[in-house]
C-alpha atoms as a PDB file:
ATOM      1  CA  UNK A   1       0.000   0.000   0.000  1.00  0.00           C
ATOM      2  CA  UNK A   2       2.911   2.368   0.643  1.00  0.00           C
ATOM      3  CA  UNK A   3       6.186   2.320  -1.215  1.00  0.00           C
ATOM      4  CA  UNK A   4       9.446   2.697   0.724  1.00  0.00           C
ATOM      5  CA  UNK A   5      10.470   5.861  -1.146  1.00  0.00           C
ATOM      6  CA  UNK A   6       7.649   8.082   0.136  1.00  0.00           C
ATOM      7  CA  UNK A   7       7.874   9.715   3.529  1.00  0.00           C
ATOM      8  CA  UNK A   8       4.165  10.194   4.112  1.00  0.00           C
ATOM      9  CA  UNK A   9       0.844   8.622   3.315  1.00  0.00           C
ATOM     10  CA  UNK A  10      -2.243  10.812   3.026  1.00  0.00           C
ATOM     11  CA  UNK A  11      -5.491   9.174   4.110  1.00  0.00           C
ATOM     12  CA  UNK A  12      -8.163  11.252   2.429  1.00  0.00           C
ATOM     13  CA  UNK A  13     -11.717  11.692   3.685  1.00  0.00           C
ATOM     14  CA  UNK A  14     -13.109  10.625   0.318  1.00  0.00           C
ATOM     15  CA  UNK A  15     -14.207   7.072  -0.412  1.00  0.00           C
ATOM     16  CA  UNK A  16     -13.232   5.325  -3.626  1.00  0.00           C
ATOM     17  CA  UNK A  17     -16.762   5.997  -4.885  1.00  0.00           C
ATOM     18  CA  UNK A  18     -16.226   9.754  -4.331  1.00  0.00           C
ATOM     19  CA  UNK A  19     -18.371  10.227  -1.223  1.00  0.00           C
ATOM     20  CA  UNK A  20     -17.270  12.401   1.678  1.00  0.00           C
ATOM     21  CA  UNK A  21     -16.455  10.225   4.690  1.00  0.00           C
ATOM     22  CA  UNK A  22     -18.456  10.812   7.864  1.00  0.00           C
ATOM     23  CA  UNK A  23     -18.421  11.745  10.680  1.00  0.00           C
ATOM     24  CA  UNK A  24     -16.983  15.135   9.850  1.00  0.00           C
ATOM     25  CA  UNK A  25     -14.416  14.924  12.677  1.00  0.00           C
ATOM     26  CA  UNK A  26     -13.037  11.521  11.641  1.00  0.00           C
ATOM     27  CA  UNK A  27      -9.526  12.889  10.985  1.00  0.00           C
ATOM     28  CA  UNK A  28      -9.248  14.495  14.411  1.00  0.00           C
ATOM     29  CA  UNK A  29     -10.551  11.331  16.084  1.00  0.00           C
ATOM     30  CA  UNK A  30      -8.099   9.063  14.251  1.00  0.00           C
ATOM     31  CA  UNK A  31      -5.155  11.374  14.938  1.00  0.00           C
ATOM     32  CA  UNK A  32      -6.256  11.704  18.563  1.00  0.00           C
ATOM     33  CA  UNK A  33      -6.181   7.933  19.049  1.00  0.00           C
ATOM     34  CA  UNK A  34      -2.670   7.887  17.583  1.00  0.00           C
ATOM     35  CA  UNK A  35      -1.439  10.713  19.866  1.00  0.00           C
ATOM     36  CA  UNK A  36       0.479   8.353  22.138  1.00  0.00           C
ATOM     37  CA  UNK A  37       2.700   7.124  19.287  1.00  0.00           C
ATOM     38  CA  UNK A  38       5.524   9.624  18.944  1.00  0.00           C
ATOM     39  CA  UNK A  39       9.290   9.904  18.902  1.00  0.00           C
ATOM     40  CA  UNK A  40      10.562   8.953  22.342  1.00  0.00           C
ATOM     41  CA  UNK A  41       7.321   7.169  23.216  1.00  0.00           C
ATOM     42  CA  UNK A  42       4.341   8.360  25.190  1.00  0.00           C
ATOM     43  CA  UNK A  43       5.020  11.050  27.764  1.00  0.00           C
ATOM     44  CA  UNK A  44       2.757  12.436  30.495  1.00  0.00           C
ATOM     45  CA  UNK A  45       0.201  14.640  28.764  1.00  0.00           C
ATOM     46  CA  UNK A  46       1.067  13.395  25.270  1.00  0.00           C
ATOM     47  CA  UNK A  47      -2.524  12.242  24.836  1.00  0.00           C
ATOM     48  CA  UNK A  48      -3.461  15.931  24.730  1.00  0.00           C
ATOM     49  CA  UNK A  49      -1.667  16.603  21.439  1.00  0.00           C
ATOM     50  CA  UNK A  50      -1.307  14.969  18.056  1.00  0.00           C
ATOM     51  CA  UNK A  51       1.667  12.802  17.264  1.00  0.00           C
ATOM     52  CA  UNK A  52       4.006  14.296  14.659  1.00  0.00           C
ATOM     53  CA  UNK A  53       3.613  10.932  12.879  1.00  0.00           C
ATOM     54  CA  UNK A  54      -0.167  11.206  12.456  1.00  0.00           C
ATOM     55  CA  UNK A  55      -1.556  14.680  11.848  1.00  0.00           C
ATOM     56  CA  UNK A  56      -5.038  15.763  10.738  1.00  0.00           C
ATOM     57  CA  UNK A  57      -5.245  18.496   8.122  1.00  0.00           C
ATOM     58  CA  UNK A  58      -7.375  19.827   5.279  1.00  0.00           C
ATOM     59  CA  UNK A  59      -5.985  19.795   1.743  1.00  0.00           C
ATOM     60  CA  UNK A  60      -8.005  21.471  -1.008  1.00  0.00           C
ATOM     61  CA  UNK A  61     -11.122  21.261   1.156  1.00  0.00           C
ATOM     62  CA  UNK A  62     -10.714  17.543   1.893  1.00  0.00           C
ATOM     63  CA  UNK A  63     -10.062  16.316   5.423  1.00  0.00           C
ATOM     64  CA  UNK A  64      -6.968  14.130   5.556  1.00  0.00           C
ATOM     65  CA  UNK A  65      -4.655  12.456   7.998  1.00  0.00           C
ATOM     66  CA  UNK A  66      -0.972  12.598   7.127  1.00  0.00           C
ATOM     67  CA  UNK A  67       0.794   9.497   8.397  1.00  0.00           C
ATOM     68  CA  UNK A  68       4.588   9.559   8.463  1.00  0.00           C
ATOM     69  CA  UNK A  69       6.429   6.349   7.583  1.00  0.00           C
ATOM     70  CA  UNK A  70       8.397   6.677  10.826  1.00  0.00           C
ATOM     71  CA  UNK A  71       5.269   5.364  12.546  1.00  0.00           C
ATOM     72  CA  UNK A  72       5.661   2.090  10.639  1.00  0.00           C
ATOM     73  CA  UNK A  73       9.291   1.767  11.667  1.00  0.00           C
ATOM     74  CA  UNK A  74       8.680   2.499  15.356  1.00  0.00           C
ATOM     75  CA  UNK A  75       5.174   1.124  15.929  1.00  0.00           C
ATOM     76  CA  UNK A  76       4.187  -1.412  13.231  1.00  0.00           C
ATOM     77  CA  UNK A  77       0.878  -2.254  14.929  1.00  0.00           C
ATOM     78  CA  UNK A  78      -0.110   1.433  15.022  1.00  0.00           C
ATOM     79  CA  UNK A  79       0.785   1.729  11.318  1.00  0.00           C
ATOM     80  CA  UNK A  80      -1.358  -1.328  10.577  1.00  0.00           C
ATOM     81  CA  UNK A  81      -4.215   0.216  12.561  1.00  0.00           C
ATOM     82  CA  UNK A  82      -4.335   3.426  10.507  1.00  0.00           C
ATOM     83  CA  UNK A  83      -3.849   1.600   7.197  1.00  0.00           C
ATOM     84  CA  UNK A  84      -6.601  -0.893   8.088  1.00  0.00           C
ATOM     85  CA  UNK A  85      -8.845   2.018   9.104  1.00  0.00           C
ATOM     86  CA  UNK A  86      -8.409   3.474   5.618  1.00  0.00           C
ATOM     87  CA  UNK A  87      -8.995   0.127   3.927  1.00  0.00           C
ATOM     88  CA  UNK A  88     -11.983  -0.857   6.073  1.00  0.00           C
ATOM     89  CA  UNK A  89     -13.663   2.499   5.378  1.00  0.00           C
ATOM     90  CA  UNK A  90     -12.810   2.457   1.650  1.00  0.00           C
ATOM     91  CA  UNK A  91     -10.850   5.715   1.943  1.00  0.00           C
ATOM     92  CA  UNK A  92      -8.517   6.960  -0.748  1.00  0.00           C
ATOM     93  CA  UNK A  93      -4.844   6.791   0.194  1.00  0.00           C
ATOM     94  CA  UNK A  94      -2.111   8.721  -1.591  1.00  0.00           C
ATOM     95  CA  UNK A  95       1.626   8.419  -1.157  1.00  0.00           C
ATOM     96  CA  UNK A  96       3.255  11.817  -1.092  1.00  0.00           C
ATOM     97  CA  UNK A  97       5.621  14.139   0.666  1.00  0.00           C
ATOM     98  CA  UNK A  98       4.259  17.189   2.444  1.00  0.00           C
ATOM     99  CA  UNK A  99       6.117  20.277   1.344  1.00  0.00           C
ATOM    100  CA  UNK A 100       6.459  23.297   3.611  1.00  0.00           C
ATOM    101  CA  UNK A 101       4.533  26.422   2.696  1.00  0.00           C
ATOM    102  CA  UNK A 102       6.616  28.845   0.634  1.00  0.00           C
ATOM    103  CA  UNK A 103       7.827  31.913   2.510  1.00  0.00           C
ATOM    104  CA  UNK A 104       5.614  34.969   2.038  1.00  0.00           C
ATOM    105  CA  UNK A 105       6.662  37.146  -0.855  1.00  0.00           C
ATOM    106  CA  UNK A 106       8.475  40.292   0.175  1.00  0.00           C
ATOM    107  CA  UNK A 107       6.439  43.437  -0.327  1.00  0.00           C
ATOM    108  CA  UNK A 108       7.557  45.315  -3.394  1.00  0.00           C
ATOM    109  CA  UNK A 109       8.535  48.914  -2.934  1.00  0.00           C
ATOM    110  CA  UNK A 110       7.055  51.512  -5.273  1.00  0.00           C
END
C-alpha cells in the first residue's frame, strides 16, 4: 500500500466511490487515538496533542490524515491500525511528501 520511497501517506476523507467520509471529525478522532505514538514514546500529557507521525489536516477542502512512515518503523501495529482504518472504510490513500509552505513574498517597494 505504501512504497518505501515516500515519507508520508495521506489518508483522504473521500471514499473510492467519491463520497465524503463521515463523521466530519473523523480525521481528528483518528489522529487523537494515535497521539500516544511519537518519537521517544508516550510522555505524560502526550494524549493531549497529536503525534508528529499522524496529523489531521485539510488539503483542497478535503479532510486528511498525514501518516509519516516513521510510525511504521517504530510502531508497526499502530501503522497497521491506521492503514486498516483506511482500507476498512474504503478511503482513498495517496503516497506523497508534504512540502512546507513557501515563505511569504516580500512586499515590493514603489
